[in-house]
N, C-alpha and C. Protein backbone atom coordinates (compact mmCIF):
# COMPACT_ATOMS: atom_id res chain seq x y z
N UNK A 1 24.93 15.65 -29.60
CA UNK A 1 23.94 16.62 -30.01
C UNK A 1 22.58 16.19 -29.48
N UNK A 2 21.80 17.11 -28.96
CA UNK A 2 20.45 16.78 -28.50
C UNK A 2 19.56 16.36 -29.66
N UNK A 3 18.55 15.55 -29.35
CA UNK A 3 17.62 15.09 -30.37
C UNK A 3 16.80 16.23 -30.94
N UNK A 4 16.35 17.13 -30.10
CA UNK A 4 15.51 18.23 -30.53
C UNK A 4 16.26 19.54 -30.26
N UNK A 5 16.94 20.03 -31.28
CA UNK A 5 17.77 21.24 -31.14
C UNK A 5 16.94 22.43 -30.69
N UNK A 6 15.74 22.59 -31.23
CA UNK A 6 14.89 23.73 -30.87
C UNK A 6 14.54 23.73 -29.39
N UNK A 7 14.16 22.57 -28.87
CA UNK A 7 13.80 22.46 -27.45
C UNK A 7 15.03 22.70 -26.58
N UNK A 8 16.16 22.14 -26.99
CA UNK A 8 17.40 22.32 -26.24
C UNK A 8 17.79 23.79 -26.20
N UNK A 9 17.77 24.46 -27.35
CA UNK A 9 18.13 25.87 -27.42
C UNK A 9 17.17 26.72 -26.59
N UNK A 10 15.88 26.40 -26.65
CA UNK A 10 14.88 27.12 -25.86
C UNK A 10 15.19 26.99 -24.37
N UNK A 11 15.54 25.78 -23.92
CA UNK A 11 15.84 25.53 -22.51
C UNK A 11 17.11 26.27 -22.09
N UNK A 12 18.14 26.24 -22.94
CA UNK A 12 19.38 26.95 -22.63
C UNK A 12 19.12 28.44 -22.48
N UNK A 13 18.37 29.01 -23.41
CA UNK A 13 18.05 30.44 -23.34
C UNK A 13 17.24 30.76 -22.08
N UNK A 14 16.28 29.91 -21.77
CA UNK A 14 15.49 30.11 -20.55
C UNK A 14 16.35 30.08 -19.30
N UNK A 15 17.30 29.15 -19.25
CA UNK A 15 18.20 29.07 -18.10
C UNK A 15 19.08 30.31 -18.00
N UNK A 16 19.58 30.78 -19.13
CA UNK A 16 20.41 31.99 -19.13
C UNK A 16 19.63 33.21 -18.65
N UNK A 17 18.40 33.33 -19.10
CA UNK A 17 17.55 34.46 -18.68
C UNK A 17 17.27 34.37 -17.19
N UNK A 18 16.97 33.17 -16.70
CA UNK A 18 16.70 33.00 -15.26
C UNK A 18 17.93 33.34 -14.43
N UNK A 19 19.10 32.88 -14.87
CA UNK A 19 20.33 33.17 -14.14
C UNK A 19 20.62 34.66 -14.12
N UNK A 20 20.44 35.30 -15.25
CA UNK A 20 20.68 36.75 -15.31
C UNK A 20 19.70 37.50 -14.41
N UNK A 21 18.44 37.09 -14.44
CA UNK A 21 17.44 37.73 -13.59
C UNK A 21 17.74 37.56 -12.12
N UNK A 22 18.19 36.37 -11.75
CA UNK A 22 18.52 36.10 -10.35
C UNK A 22 19.69 36.97 -9.91
N UNK A 23 20.71 37.05 -10.73
CA UNK A 23 21.88 37.84 -10.37
C UNK A 23 21.56 39.33 -10.36
N UNK A 24 20.70 39.76 -11.27
CA UNK A 24 20.30 41.16 -11.30
C UNK A 24 19.54 41.50 -10.03
N UNK A 25 18.62 40.62 -9.61
CA UNK A 25 17.86 40.91 -8.40
C UNK A 25 18.77 40.90 -7.18
N UNK A 26 19.78 40.03 -7.16
CA UNK A 26 20.74 40.04 -6.06
C UNK A 26 21.52 41.34 -6.08
N UNK A 27 21.93 41.77 -7.26
CA UNK A 27 22.67 43.04 -7.37
C UNK A 27 21.82 44.20 -6.88
N UNK A 28 20.54 44.20 -7.21
CA UNK A 28 19.65 45.26 -6.74
C UNK A 28 19.55 45.26 -5.22
N UNK A 29 19.44 44.06 -4.63
CA UNK A 29 19.34 43.98 -3.17
C UNK A 29 20.64 44.41 -2.51
N UNK A 30 21.75 44.13 -3.14
CA UNK A 30 23.05 44.41 -2.54
C UNK A 30 23.56 45.82 -2.85
N UNK A 31 22.91 46.51 -3.76
CA UNK A 31 23.39 47.82 -4.18
C UNK A 31 23.59 48.76 -2.99
N UNK A 32 22.63 48.77 -2.08
CA UNK A 32 22.75 49.67 -0.93
C UNK A 32 23.95 49.33 -0.07
N UNK A 33 24.35 48.06 -0.07
CA UNK A 33 25.52 47.67 0.71
C UNK A 33 26.81 48.09 0.03
N UNK A 34 26.76 48.28 -1.28
CA UNK A 34 27.95 48.64 -2.03
C UNK A 34 28.23 50.13 -2.02
N UNK A 35 27.23 50.92 -1.68
CA UNK A 35 27.40 52.37 -1.64
C UNK A 35 28.28 52.71 -0.45
N UNK A 36 29.25 53.55 -0.67
CA UNK A 36 30.18 53.93 0.40
C UNK A 36 29.48 54.90 1.34
N UNK A 37 28.96 54.35 2.42
CA UNK A 37 28.27 55.18 3.39
C UNK A 37 29.24 55.77 4.41
N UNK A 38 30.47 55.30 4.40
CA UNK A 38 31.43 55.75 5.40
C UNK A 38 31.84 57.21 5.23
N UNK A 39 31.60 57.78 4.05
CA UNK A 39 32.00 59.18 3.86
C UNK A 39 31.23 60.10 4.79
N UNK A 40 29.98 59.77 5.10
CA UNK A 40 29.18 60.62 5.98
C UNK A 40 29.10 60.05 7.40
N UNK A 41 29.66 58.86 7.62
CA UNK A 41 29.57 58.22 8.92
C UNK A 41 30.56 58.84 9.90
N UNK A 42 30.17 58.80 11.14
CA UNK A 42 31.05 59.31 12.19
C UNK A 42 32.21 58.33 12.40
N UNK A 43 33.28 58.78 13.01
CA UNK A 43 34.40 57.87 13.29
C UNK A 43 33.96 56.66 14.14
N UNK A 44 33.04 56.89 15.05
CA UNK A 44 32.54 55.79 15.89
C UNK A 44 31.81 54.76 15.04
N UNK A 45 30.96 55.21 14.12
CA UNK A 45 30.23 54.30 13.24
C UNK A 45 31.18 53.52 12.36
N UNK A 46 32.19 54.19 11.82
CA UNK A 46 33.18 53.50 10.98
C UNK A 46 33.93 52.45 11.79
N UNK A 47 34.27 52.76 13.04
CA UNK A 47 34.98 51.80 13.89
C UNK A 47 34.12 50.58 14.18
N UNK A 48 32.84 50.81 14.44
CA UNK A 48 31.92 49.69 14.71
C UNK A 48 31.78 48.81 13.48
N UNK A 49 31.64 49.42 12.31
CA UNK A 49 31.52 48.64 11.06
C UNK A 49 32.79 47.84 10.80
N UNK A 50 33.93 48.45 11.05
CA UNK A 50 35.20 47.75 10.84
C UNK A 50 35.31 46.56 11.79
N UNK A 51 34.88 46.74 13.03
CA UNK A 51 34.91 45.64 14.01
C UNK A 51 33.96 44.53 13.60
N UNK A 52 32.77 44.88 13.15
CA UNK A 52 31.80 43.87 12.70
C UNK A 52 32.34 43.10 11.50
N UNK A 53 32.95 43.81 10.57
CA UNK A 53 33.54 43.16 9.40
C UNK A 53 34.62 42.17 9.82
N UNK A 54 35.46 42.58 10.75
CA UNK A 54 36.52 41.71 11.25
C UNK A 54 35.94 40.46 11.91
N UNK A 55 34.89 40.63 12.71
CA UNK A 55 34.26 39.49 13.38
C UNK A 55 33.68 38.50 12.37
N UNK A 56 33.01 39.01 11.35
CA UNK A 56 32.42 38.14 10.33
C UNK A 56 33.52 37.41 9.56
N UNK A 57 34.57 38.12 9.19
CA UNK A 57 35.68 37.47 8.46
C UNK A 57 36.34 36.40 9.31
N UNK A 58 36.52 36.68 10.59
CA UNK A 58 37.13 35.70 11.49
C UNK A 58 36.23 34.47 11.62
N UNK A 59 34.93 34.68 11.76
CA UNK A 59 34.00 33.55 11.87
C UNK A 59 33.98 32.74 10.58
N UNK A 60 33.97 33.41 9.44
CA UNK A 60 34.01 32.70 8.16
C UNK A 60 35.29 31.89 8.02
N UNK A 61 36.40 32.44 8.49
CA UNK A 61 37.68 31.74 8.39
C UNK A 61 37.69 30.47 9.24
N UNK A 62 36.87 30.42 10.29
CA UNK A 62 36.79 29.24 11.14
C UNK A 62 35.95 28.13 10.53
N UNK A 63 35.21 28.42 9.48
CA UNK A 63 34.39 27.41 8.81
C UNK A 63 35.25 26.63 7.81
N UNK A 64 34.85 25.39 7.50
CA UNK A 64 35.54 24.65 6.44
C UNK A 64 35.41 25.40 5.10
N UNK A 65 36.35 25.16 4.21
CA UNK A 65 36.38 25.86 2.92
C UNK A 65 35.07 25.66 2.15
N UNK A 66 34.54 24.43 2.13
CA UNK A 66 33.28 24.18 1.41
C UNK A 66 32.13 24.99 1.99
N UNK A 67 32.11 25.13 3.31
CA UNK A 67 31.04 25.90 3.95
C UNK A 67 31.15 27.37 3.58
N UNK A 68 32.38 27.89 3.55
CA UNK A 68 32.58 29.30 3.14
C UNK A 68 32.10 29.50 1.71
N UNK A 69 32.51 28.61 0.82
CA UNK A 69 32.11 28.71 -0.59
C UNK A 69 30.59 28.65 -0.70
N UNK A 70 29.98 27.71 -0.01
CA UNK A 70 28.52 27.55 -0.08
C UNK A 70 27.80 28.80 0.43
N UNK A 71 28.24 29.34 1.55
CA UNK A 71 27.59 30.53 2.11
C UNK A 71 27.76 31.74 1.21
N UNK A 72 28.96 31.93 0.70
CA UNK A 72 29.20 33.10 -0.16
C UNK A 72 28.45 32.98 -1.48
N UNK A 73 28.40 31.78 -2.05
CA UNK A 73 27.65 31.60 -3.29
C UNK A 73 26.15 31.80 -3.05
N UNK A 74 25.65 31.30 -1.92
CA UNK A 74 24.23 31.49 -1.59
C UNK A 74 23.92 32.98 -1.42
N UNK A 75 24.83 33.71 -0.81
CA UNK A 75 24.63 35.15 -0.63
C UNK A 75 24.62 35.88 -1.97
N UNK A 76 25.31 35.32 -2.96
CA UNK A 76 25.34 35.94 -4.28
C UNK A 76 24.16 35.50 -5.15
N UNK A 77 23.31 34.63 -4.63
CA UNK A 77 22.10 34.26 -5.36
C UNK A 77 22.18 32.96 -6.14
N UNK A 78 23.23 32.19 -5.98
CA UNK A 78 23.33 30.92 -6.69
C UNK A 78 22.34 29.92 -6.09
N UNK A 79 21.85 29.03 -6.91
CA UNK A 79 20.91 28.01 -6.46
C UNK A 79 21.68 26.89 -5.75
N UNK A 80 20.94 26.06 -5.02
CA UNK A 80 21.57 24.92 -4.34
C UNK A 80 22.22 23.99 -5.35
N UNK A 81 21.60 23.82 -6.50
CA UNK A 81 22.16 22.95 -7.54
C UNK A 81 23.50 23.50 -8.04
N UNK A 82 23.55 24.82 -8.27
CA UNK A 82 24.80 25.44 -8.75
C UNK A 82 25.89 25.36 -7.68
N UNK A 83 25.51 25.59 -6.44
CA UNK A 83 26.48 25.50 -5.35
C UNK A 83 26.95 24.07 -5.20
N UNK A 84 26.01 23.13 -5.31
CA UNK A 84 26.36 21.72 -5.22
C UNK A 84 27.39 21.30 -6.26
N UNK A 85 27.25 21.82 -7.47
CA UNK A 85 28.24 21.51 -8.51
C UNK A 85 29.62 22.03 -8.11
N UNK A 86 29.67 23.18 -7.47
CA UNK A 86 30.94 23.78 -7.08
C UNK A 86 31.61 23.02 -5.94
N UNK A 87 30.81 22.47 -5.03
CA UNK A 87 31.40 21.80 -3.85
C UNK A 87 31.25 20.28 -3.89
N UNK A 88 30.69 19.76 -4.97
CA UNK A 88 30.62 18.31 -5.14
C UNK A 88 29.55 17.62 -4.31
N UNK A 89 28.38 18.24 -4.20
CA UNK A 89 27.28 17.65 -3.44
C UNK A 89 26.00 17.73 -4.28
N UNK A 90 25.01 16.94 -3.89
CA UNK A 90 23.72 17.02 -4.56
C UNK A 90 23.01 18.30 -4.11
N UNK A 91 21.97 18.65 -4.82
CA UNK A 91 21.21 19.85 -4.49
C UNK A 91 20.61 19.75 -3.09
N UNK A 92 20.00 18.61 -2.76
CA UNK A 92 19.40 18.43 -1.43
C UNK A 92 20.45 18.46 -0.33
N UNK A 93 21.57 17.78 -0.56
CA UNK A 93 22.64 17.78 0.44
C UNK A 93 23.21 19.19 0.61
N UNK A 94 23.28 19.93 -0.48
CA UNK A 94 23.79 21.30 -0.42
C UNK A 94 22.86 22.19 0.39
N UNK A 95 21.56 22.05 0.20
CA UNK A 95 20.61 22.85 0.98
C UNK A 95 20.78 22.60 2.47
N UNK A 96 20.92 21.33 2.85
CA UNK A 96 21.13 20.99 4.25
C UNK A 96 22.47 21.54 4.74
N UNK A 97 23.49 21.41 3.91
CA UNK A 97 24.82 21.89 4.26
C UNK A 97 24.82 23.41 4.49
N UNK A 98 24.12 24.14 3.64
CA UNK A 98 24.04 25.60 3.79
C UNK A 98 23.34 25.95 5.10
N UNK A 99 22.25 25.26 5.42
CA UNK A 99 21.55 25.52 6.69
C UNK A 99 22.47 25.28 7.88
N UNK A 100 23.21 24.19 7.84
CA UNK A 100 24.13 23.89 8.95
C UNK A 100 25.28 24.89 9.00
N UNK A 101 25.76 25.32 7.85
CA UNK A 101 26.84 26.31 7.82
C UNK A 101 26.36 27.65 8.37
N UNK A 102 25.13 28.03 8.04
CA UNK A 102 24.57 29.27 8.60
C UNK A 102 24.43 29.18 10.11
N UNK A 103 23.97 28.04 10.59
CA UNK A 103 23.83 27.83 12.03
C UNK A 103 25.19 27.93 12.71
N UNK A 104 26.19 27.29 12.13
CA UNK A 104 27.54 27.33 12.71
C UNK A 104 28.09 28.75 12.69
N UNK A 105 27.85 29.49 11.62
CA UNK A 105 28.31 30.88 11.55
C UNK A 105 27.64 31.71 12.64
N UNK A 106 26.34 31.51 12.84
CA UNK A 106 25.62 32.22 13.92
C UNK A 106 26.23 31.90 15.28
N UNK A 107 26.55 30.62 15.50
CA UNK A 107 27.15 30.21 16.77
C UNK A 107 28.51 30.88 16.97
N UNK A 108 29.31 30.91 15.93
CA UNK A 108 30.63 31.54 16.03
C UNK A 108 30.50 33.03 16.32
N UNK A 109 29.56 33.68 15.65
CA UNK A 109 29.37 35.11 15.88
C UNK A 109 28.81 35.37 17.28
N UNK A 110 27.92 34.51 17.75
CA UNK A 110 27.36 34.66 19.10
C UNK A 110 28.44 34.47 20.16
N UNK A 111 29.37 33.56 19.90
CA UNK A 111 30.46 33.33 20.85
C UNK A 111 31.36 34.56 20.96
N UNK A 112 31.47 35.33 19.89
CA UNK A 112 32.28 36.54 19.90
C UNK A 112 31.56 37.70 20.57
N UNK A 113 30.24 37.66 20.62
CA UNK A 113 29.44 38.78 21.12
C UNK A 113 29.80 39.19 22.55
N UNK A 114 29.93 38.27 23.53
CA UNK A 114 30.25 38.71 24.88
C UNK A 114 31.62 39.40 24.98
N UNK A 115 32.52 39.07 24.07
CA UNK A 115 33.86 39.67 24.10
C UNK A 115 33.84 41.13 23.69
N UNK A 116 32.75 41.57 23.08
CA UNK A 116 32.68 42.95 22.59
C UNK A 116 32.45 43.92 23.69
């Protein structure tokens, strides 16, 4: 049990509010991506989107599992500390790892670009 229950409870509530706010803001940013725009899109646009989705999935599959988890959690708005807990790294190491994983993902996607 914590020494000061009031301070502990205040901190827990603050963390919960911050987490909810972060996820809500991520949901707001991602809302436009979740709307099914394909209903009005031309067949050509749908084909291009499908190809892009396939390329991204293929590039993600080429990354190590920890890198995929880190990138996807970062995209969902998790902090480096939260991601670090999931993949077994410190917050600072996780931040560096995410930067390197993003760079590797860019390289993989760029390598696919000439093939298009």
